[in-house]
Amino acid sequence: MEIRYINQNDNLLEISNIYENSWKYAYKNIIPQDYLDSIPTGQWVNRINKAGMNNLVIIEDGLIMGTAGFCKSRWEKYSNYGEIVSIYFLPEYIGKGYGRLLLNKCIEELKHCGFSKILLWVLEDNHRARSFYEKNGFICSEVFLEDNIGGKDLREVLYFFV
């Protein structure tokens, strides 16, 4: 098992596929099914190498099974924080302990970048993810972000790791 930064040899379509499949699995019964079903192949290809974003992959036996993105906080109010933007896995690797390894690597890398405080946002109804972050040292705040995905009003809740 290896965790590393993505590089020019990585297939961005393969990494985008992780996002697509993870969304369809993790957000079932949270985001409208017709929206999830309509996610096109390659949806995230152009977002992976976005300026300022750092991307990791976790690989086992040559297969990229998960990915994570992190950066300096995108929120002006929390400009001195690092932000974990995403952690996604192919569904068959969810719940097997790999998430903790990838999360810890994100935290380590953000600290290496000089961030002593870290934040992330989670859909309020994503109880599995919320439990995961809480078990790994993140604290739920009372700060919410209103969102609309697939025509459904949703809230994201802010978590801190300090």
C-alpha atoms as a PDB file:
ATOM      1  CA  MET A   1       0.000   0.000   0.000  1.00  0.00           C
ATOM      2  CA  GLU A   2       1.284   3.429  -0.998  1.00  0.00           C
ATOM      3  CA  ILE A   3       0.009   6.971  -0.442  1.00  0.00           C
ATOM      4  CA  ARG A   4       1.533   9.616  -2.696  1.00  0.00           C
ATOM      5  CA  TYR A   5       0.827  12.806  -4.586  1.00  0.00           C
ATOM      6  CA  ILE A   6      -0.722  12.368  -8.005  1.00  0.00           C
ATOM      7  CA  ASN A   7       1.687  12.812 -10.885  1.00  0.00           C
ATOM      8  CA  GLN A   8       1.623  13.310 -14.640  1.00  0.00           C
ATOM      9  CA  ASN A   9       1.597   9.545 -15.226  1.00  0.00           C
ATOM     10  CA  ASP A  10      -1.649   9.044 -13.309  1.00  0.00           C
ATOM     11  CA  ASN A  11      -4.820   8.578 -15.299  1.00  0.00           C
ATOM     12  CA  LEU A  12      -7.114  11.465 -14.313  1.00  0.00           C
ATOM     13  CA  LEU A  13     -10.110   9.592 -15.710  1.00  0.00           C
ATOM     14  CA  GLU A  14      -9.348   6.733 -13.304  1.00  0.00           C
ATOM     15  CA  ILE A  15      -9.150   9.194 -10.403  1.00  0.00           C
ATOM     16  CA  SER A  16     -12.369  10.919 -11.521  1.00  0.00           C
ATOM     17  CA  ASN A  17     -14.014   7.483 -11.559  1.00  0.00           C
ATOM     18  CA  ILE A  18     -13.255   7.185  -7.834  1.00  0.00           C
ATOM     19  CA  TYR A  19     -15.142  10.426  -7.181  1.00  0.00           C
ATOM     20  CA  GLU A  20     -18.052   9.339  -9.367  1.00  0.00           C
ATOM     21  CA  ASN A  21     -18.452   5.904  -7.795  1.00  0.00           C
ATOM     22  CA  SER A  22     -17.924   7.182  -4.282  1.00  0.00           C
ATOM     23  CA  TRP A  23     -20.576   9.872  -4.737  1.00  0.00           C
ATOM     24  CA  LYS A  24     -23.061   7.304  -6.052  1.00  0.00           C
ATOM     25  CA  TYR A  25     -22.388   5.045  -3.066  1.00  0.00           C
ATOM     26  CA  ALA A  26     -21.879   7.488  -0.187  1.00  0.00           C
ATOM     27  CA  TYR A  27     -24.600   9.967  -1.103  1.00  0.00           C
ATOM     28  CA  LYS A  28     -27.355   7.472  -1.916  1.00  0.00           C
ATOM     29  CA  ASN A  29     -30.524   8.612  -0.099  1.00  0.00           C
ATOM     30  CA  ILE A  30     -28.869  11.977   0.624  1.00  0.00           C
ATOM     31  CA  ILE A  31     -28.542  13.521  -2.842  1.00  0.00           C
ATOM     32  CA  PRO A  32     -31.407  12.851  -5.310  1.00  0.00           C
ATOM     33  CA  GLN A  33     -30.858   9.557  -7.128  1.00  0.00           C
ATOM     34  CA  ASP A  34     -31.567  11.035 -10.554  1.00  0.00           C
ATOM     35  CA  TYR A  35     -28.726  13.512  -9.981  1.00  0.00           C
ATOM     36  CA  LEU A  36     -26.340  10.746  -8.906  1.00  0.00           C
ATOM     37  CA  ASP A  37     -27.347   8.644 -11.910  1.00  0.00           C
ATOM     38  CA  SER A  38     -26.649  11.580 -14.236  1.00  0.00           C
ATOM     39  CA  ILE A  39     -23.028  12.131 -13.127  1.00  0.00           C
ATOM     40  CA  PRO A  40     -21.086  11.789 -16.375  1.00  0.00           C
ATOM     41  CA  THR A  41     -17.896   9.822 -16.789  1.00  0.00           C
ATOM     42  CA  GLY A  42     -14.966  12.162 -16.256  1.00  0.00           C
ATOM     43  CA  GLN A  43     -16.970  14.698 -14.210  1.00  0.00           C
ATOM     44  CA  TRP A  44     -13.966  15.547 -11.998  1.00  0.00           C
ATOM     45  CA  VAL A  45     -11.106  15.298 -14.551  1.00  0.00           C
ATOM     46  CA  ASN A  46     -10.765  19.074 -14.956  1.00  0.00           C
ATOM     47  CA  ARG A  47     -11.083  19.746 -11.216  1.00  0.00           C
ATOM     48  CA  ILE A  48      -8.339  17.410 -10.014  1.00  0.00           C
ATOM     49  CA  ASN A  49      -5.380  19.620 -10.964  1.00  0.00           C
ATOM     50  CA  LYS A  50      -7.042  22.871  -9.928  1.00  0.00           C
ATOM     51  CA  ALA A  51      -4.499  25.548  -8.946  1.00  0.00           C
ATOM     52  CA  GLY A  52      -3.710  25.504  -5.232  1.00  0.00           C
ATOM     53  CA  MET A  53      -5.152  22.026  -4.685  1.00  0.00           C
ATOM     54  CA  ASN A  54      -2.943  19.167  -3.511  1.00  0.00           C
ATOM     55  CA  ASN A  55      -4.076  15.683  -4.454  1.00  0.00           C
ATOM     56  CA  LEU A  56      -3.099  12.350  -2.985  1.00  0.00           C
ATOM     57  CA  VAL A  57      -3.875   8.831  -4.132  1.00  0.00           C
ATOM     58  CA  ILE A  58      -3.784   5.596  -2.175  1.00  0.00           C
ATOM     59  CA  ILE A  59      -2.689   2.582  -4.186  1.00  0.00           C
ATOM     60  CA  GLU A  60      -2.673  -1.129  -3.475  1.00  0.00           C
ATOM     61  CA  ASP A  61      -1.478  -3.785  -5.905  1.00  0.00           C
ATOM     62  CA  GLY A  62      -1.247  -1.166  -8.654  1.00  0.00           C
ATOM     63  CA  LEU A  63      -4.862   0.000  -8.231  1.00  0.00           C
ATOM     64  CA  ILE A  64      -5.711   3.556  -7.244  1.00  0.00           C
ATOM     65  CA  MET A  65      -8.483   2.874  -4.748  1.00  0.00           C
ATOM     66  CA  GLY A  66      -8.847   6.286  -3.130  1.00  0.00           C
ATOM     67  CA  THR A  67      -7.995   9.945  -3.481  1.00  0.00           C
ATOM     68  CA  ALA A  68      -7.952  13.069  -1.345  1.00  0.00           C
ATOM     69  CA  GLY A  69      -7.655  16.787  -1.998  1.00  0.00           C
ATOM     70  CA  PHE A  70      -6.428  19.451   0.418  1.00  0.00           C
ATOM     71  CA  CYS A  71      -5.353  23.080   0.318  1.00  0.00           C
ATOM     72  CA  LYS A  72      -5.154  26.356   2.212  1.00  0.00           C
ATOM     73  CA  SER A  73      -8.673  27.072   3.444  1.00  0.00           C
ATOM     74  CA  ARG A  74     -10.930  28.440   0.724  1.00  0.00           C
ATOM     75  CA  TRP A  75     -12.867  30.413   3.345  1.00  0.00           C
ATOM     76  CA  GLU A  76     -11.653  33.928   4.161  1.00  0.00           C
ATOM     77  CA  LYS A  77     -12.874  33.663   7.764  1.00  0.00           C
ATOM     78  CA  TYR A  78     -10.590  30.641   8.232  1.00  0.00           C
ATOM     79  CA  SER A  79      -7.669  31.825   6.115  1.00  0.00           C
ATOM     80  CA  ASN A  80      -5.080  30.515   8.585  1.00  0.00           C
ATOM     81  CA  TYR A  81      -6.479  26.953   8.396  1.00  0.00           C
ATOM     82  CA  GLY A  82      -5.644  24.089   6.107  1.00  0.00           C
ATOM     83  CA  GLU A  83      -8.667  22.439   4.496  1.00  0.00           C
ATOM     84  CA  ILE A  84      -9.352  18.849   3.587  1.00  0.00           C
ATOM     85  CA  VAL A  85     -11.619  19.255   0.577  1.00  0.00           C
ATOM     86  CA  SER A  86     -12.270  15.626  -0.308  1.00  0.00           C
ATOM     87  CA  ILE A  87     -11.584  12.044   0.605  1.00  0.00           C
ATOM     88  CA  TYR A  88     -13.157   9.471  -1.685  1.00  0.00           C
ATOM     89  CA  PHE A  89     -12.761   5.739  -2.231  1.00  0.00           C
ATOM     90  CA  LEU A  90     -14.035   3.127  -4.599  1.00  0.00           C
ATOM     91  CA  PRO A  91     -17.011   1.668  -2.682  1.00  0.00           C
ATOM     92  CA  GLU A  92     -15.421  -1.753  -2.145  1.00  0.00           C
ATOM     93  CA  TYR A  93     -12.600  -0.103  -0.133  1.00  0.00           C
ATOM     94  CA  ILE A  94     -14.849   1.944   2.167  1.00  0.00           C
ATOM     95  CA  GLY A  95     -14.883   0.810   5.790  1.00  0.00           C
ATOM     96  CA  LYS A  96     -11.628  -1.167   5.610  1.00  0.00           C
ATOM     97  CA  GLY A  97      -9.316   1.272   7.432  1.00  0.00           C
ATOM     98  CA  TYR A  98      -7.814   2.924   4.373  1.00  0.00           C
ATOM     99  CA  GLY A  99      -9.712   6.163   5.027  1.00  0.00           C
ATOM    100  CA  ARG A 100      -7.939   6.699   8.335  1.00  0.00           C
ATOM    101  CA  LEU A 101      -4.564   6.264   6.616  1.00  0.00           C
ATOM    102  CA  LEU A 102      -5.434   8.764   3.878  1.00  0.00           C
ATOM    103  CA  LEU A 103      -6.929  11.233   6.358  1.00  0.00           C
ATOM    104  CA  ASN A 104      -3.826  11.051   8.546  1.00  0.00           C
ATOM    105  CA  LYS A 105      -1.624  11.663   5.501  1.00  0.00           C
ATOM    106  CA  CYS A 106      -3.676  14.766   4.624  1.00  0.00           C
ATOM    107  CA  ILE A 107      -3.286  16.056   8.185  1.00  0.00           C
ATOM    108  CA  GLU A 108       0.445  15.336   8.108  1.00  0.00           C
ATOM    109  CA  GLU A 109       0.883  17.124   4.786  1.00  0.00           C
ATOM    110  CA  LEU A 110      -1.151  20.155   5.895  1.00  0.00           C
ATOM    111  CA  LYS A 111       0.960  20.407   9.052  1.00  0.00           C
ATOM    112  CA  HIS A 112       4.073  20.123   6.884  1.00  0.00           C
ATOM    113  CA  CYS A 113       2.694  23.103   4.905  1.00  0.00           C
ATOM    114  CA  GLY A 114       2.535  25.087   8.166  1.00  0.00           C
ATOM    115  CA  PHE A 115      -1.120  24.674   9.121  1.00  0.00           C
ATOM    116  CA  SER A 116      -1.648  23.892  12.795  1.00  0.00           C
ATOM    117  CA  LYS A 117      -5.437  24.105  12.393  1.00  0.00           C
ATOM    118  CA  ILE A 118      -7.461  22.122   9.880  1.00  0.00           C
ATOM    119  CA  LEU A 119     -11.093  22.196   8.772  1.00  0.00           C
ATOM    120  CA  LEU A 120     -13.416  20.274   6.521  1.00  0.00           C
ATOM    121  CA  TRP A 121     -17.072  20.345   5.503  1.00  0.00           C
ATOM    122  CA  VAL A 122     -19.400  17.328   5.551  1.00  0.00           C
ATOM    123  CA  LEU A 123     -22.980  16.993   4.373  1.00  0.00           C
ATOM    124  CA  GLU A 124     -25.091  17.091   7.509  1.00  0.00           C
ATOM    125  CA  ASP A 125     -26.985  13.928   6.527  1.00  0.00           C
ATOM    126  CA  ASN A 126     -23.808  11.958   5.783  1.00  0.00           C
ATOM    127  CA  HIS A 127     -23.753  10.222   9.155  1.00  0.00           C
ATOM    128  CA  ARG A 128     -21.152   7.647   8.146  1.00  0.00           C
ATOM    129  CA  ALA A 129     -18.622  10.350   7.183  1.00  0.00           C
ATOM    130  CA  ARG A 130     -19.432  12.445  10.236  1.00  0.00           C
ATOM    131  CA  SER A 131     -18.846   9.467  12.521  1.00  0.00           C
ATOM    132  CA  PHE A 132     -15.577   8.718  10.724  1.00  0.00           C
ATOM    133  CA  TYR A 133     -14.261  12.263  11.188  1.00  0.00           C
ATOM    134  CA  GLU A 134     -15.369  12.397  14.820  1.00  0.00           C
ATOM    135  CA  LYS A 135     -13.594   9.083  15.545  1.00  0.00           C
ATOM    136  CA  ASN A 136     -10.467  10.590  14.005  1.00  0.00           C
ATOM    137  CA  GLY A 137     -10.287  13.733  16.126  1.00  0.00           C
ATOM    138  CA  PHE A 138     -12.467  16.228  14.274  1.00  0.00           C
ATOM    139  CA  ILE A 139     -14.935  18.296  16.277  1.00  0.00           C
ATOM    140  CA  CYS A 140     -18.331  19.282  14.900  1.00  0.00           C
ATOM    141  CA  SER A 141     -19.021  23.005  15.011  1.00  0.00           C
ATOM    142  CA  GLU A 142     -22.313  24.817  14.927  1.00  0.00           C
ATOM    143  CA  VAL A 143     -21.368  26.426  11.614  1.00  0.00           C
ATOM    144  CA  PHE A 144     -23.453  25.392   8.620  1.00  0.00           C
ATOM    145  CA  LEU A 145     -23.340  26.083   4.911  1.00  0.00           C
ATOM    146  CA  GLU A 146     -26.518  25.953   2.877  1.00  0.00           C
ATOM    147  CA  ASP A 147     -26.144  24.039  -0.371  1.00  0.00           C
ATOM    148  CA  ASN A 148     -28.316  22.718  -3.164  1.00  0.00           C
ATOM    149  CA  ILE A 149     -27.294  19.590  -5.011  1.00  0.00           C
ATOM    150  CA  GLY A 150     -29.491  18.060  -7.658  1.00  0.00           C
ATOM    151  CA  GLY A 151     -32.353  20.379  -6.731  1.00  0.00           C
ATOM    152  CA  LYS A 152     -32.352  19.338  -3.056  1.00  0.00           C
ATOM    153  CA  ASP A 153     -31.546  21.806  -0.289  1.00  0.00           C
ATOM    154  CA  LEU A 154     -28.800  20.390   1.908  1.00  0.00           C
ATOM    155  CA  ARG A 155     -26.609  21.644   4.702  1.00  0.00           C
ATOM    156  CA  GLU A 156     -22.934  21.109   5.203  1.00  0.00           C
ATOM    157  CA  VAL A 157     -21.493  21.200   8.696  1.00  0.00           C
ATOM    158  CA  LEU A 158     -18.024  22.494   9.515  1.00  0.00           C
ATOM    159  CA  TYR A 159     -15.567  20.296  11.410  1.00  0.00           C
ATOM    160  CA  PHE A 160     -12.315  21.408  13.040  1.00  0.00           C
ATOM    161  CA  PHE A 161      -9.135  19.514  13.847  1.00  0.00           C
ATOM    162  CA  VAL A 162      -6.949  21.611  16.139  1.00  0.00           C
END
